[in-house]
Amino acid sequence: MPYMFVSTQIRLENGPTNVGDEFSDPVVMNYLGARKTTMLGNNFSEYHVDDPPRLVLDKLEKIGFRVVSMTGLYLNLYIHI
């Protein structure tokens, strides 16, 4: 089963939303309209979208993903098909 980590900082609840890492499925990332970025000083890439988390979750639900866990300090959702 594919899993995905979706997160944002609560103070940025209107976006951007982190939707994956450099190993995420490129087809799903394209569907979400995500762009792959590497922050200065990091040796890894992440995918980001400008949409708020709620819209990202709505899009993912349409292709079969569901929330399996979340935390409250930051909005971190683990979802899978």
Protein backbone atom coordinates (compact mmCIF):
# COMPACT_ATOMS: atom_id res chain seq x y z
CA MET A 1 0.00 0.00 0.00
CA PRO A 2 1.39 3.42 -0.85
CA TYR A 3 1.56 5.89 2.03
CA MET A 4 1.89 9.65 1.86
CA PHE A 5 2.84 12.25 4.45
CA VAL A 6 0.95 15.56 4.21
CA SER A 7 1.97 18.42 6.47
CA THR A 8 1.86 22.15 7.02
CA GLN A 9 2.50 24.48 9.89
CA ILE A 10 -0.69 25.55 11.67
CA ARG A 11 0.23 29.20 11.23
CA LEU A 12 0.31 28.52 7.47
CA GLU A 13 -3.01 26.66 7.34
CA ASN A 14 -3.87 28.25 3.98
CA GLY A 15 -0.77 26.76 2.37
CA PRO A 16 1.71 25.88 1.20
CA THR A 17 1.28 22.21 1.98
CA ASN A 18 4.08 19.64 1.93
CA VAL A 19 2.83 16.57 0.08
CA GLY A 20 5.78 14.29 -0.40
CA ASP A 21 9.48 13.63 -0.57
CA GLU A 22 11.82 13.03 -3.48
CA PHE A 23 10.70 9.39 -3.71
CA SER A 24 6.95 10.14 -3.98
CA ASP A 25 4.94 8.84 -6.92
CA PRO A 26 5.38 11.40 -9.73
CA VAL A 27 1.93 10.61 -11.14
CA VAL A 28 0.24 11.51 -7.83
CA MET A 29 2.44 14.60 -7.44
CA ASN A 30 1.46 15.74 -10.95
CA TYR A 31 -2.22 15.16 -10.15
CA LEU A 32 -1.87 17.39 -7.07
CA GLY A 33 -0.02 20.05 -9.04
CA ALA A 34 2.97 19.72 -6.73
CA ARG A 35 6.39 21.15 -7.47
CA LYS A 36 9.62 19.54 -6.34
CA THR A 37 11.92 21.90 -4.43
CA THR A 38 15.19 21.67 -2.55
CA MET A 39 15.76 24.18 0.24
CA LEU A 40 19.19 25.76 0.44
CA GLY A 41 21.42 23.63 2.66
CA ASN A 42 19.28 20.48 2.42
CA ASN A 43 20.48 17.41 0.55
CA PHE A 44 16.93 16.18 -0.15
CA SER A 45 13.91 17.40 -2.11
CA GLU A 46 10.26 17.82 -1.11
CA TYR A 47 7.05 18.35 -3.03
CA HIS A 48 4.88 21.38 -2.20
CA VAL A 49 1.52 22.72 -3.38
CA ASP A 50 0.02 26.15 -2.74
CA ASP A 51 -3.35 24.62 -1.75
CA PRO A 52 -4.37 24.35 1.90
CA PRO A 53 -4.29 20.83 3.42
CA ARG A 54 -8.08 20.44 3.24
CA LEU A 55 -8.07 20.81 -0.55
CA VAL A 56 -5.13 18.41 -0.85
CA LEU A 57 -7.01 15.82 1.21
CA ASP A 58 -10.14 16.30 -0.92
CA LYS A 59 -8.10 15.63 -4.07
CA LEU A 60 -6.43 12.58 -2.56
CA GLU A 61 -9.75 11.14 -1.41
CA LYS A 62 -10.97 11.23 -5.01
CA ILE A 63 -8.19 8.85 -6.02
CA GLY A 64 -8.66 6.45 -3.11
CA PHE A 65 -6.45 7.76 -0.30
CA ARG A 66 -7.76 7.99 3.27
CA VAL A 67 -6.40 9.44 6.52
CA VAL A 68 -4.98 6.83 8.88
CA SER A 69 -3.30 9.07 11.48
CA MET A 70 -2.72 12.70 12.41
CA THR A 71 -1.01 14.81 15.06
CA GLY A 72 -1.89 18.20 16.50
CA LEU A 73 1.33 20.15 16.95
CA TYR A 74 1.58 20.62 13.22
CA LEU A 75 -0.88 19.25 10.73
CA ASN A 76 0.78 15.95 9.87
CA LEU A 77 -1.37 13.37 8.16
CA TYR A 78 -0.39 9.87 7.19
CA ILE A 79 -2.65 8.64 4.45
CA HIS A 80 -2.75 5.59 2.23
CA ILE A 81 -4.75 3.90 -0.48
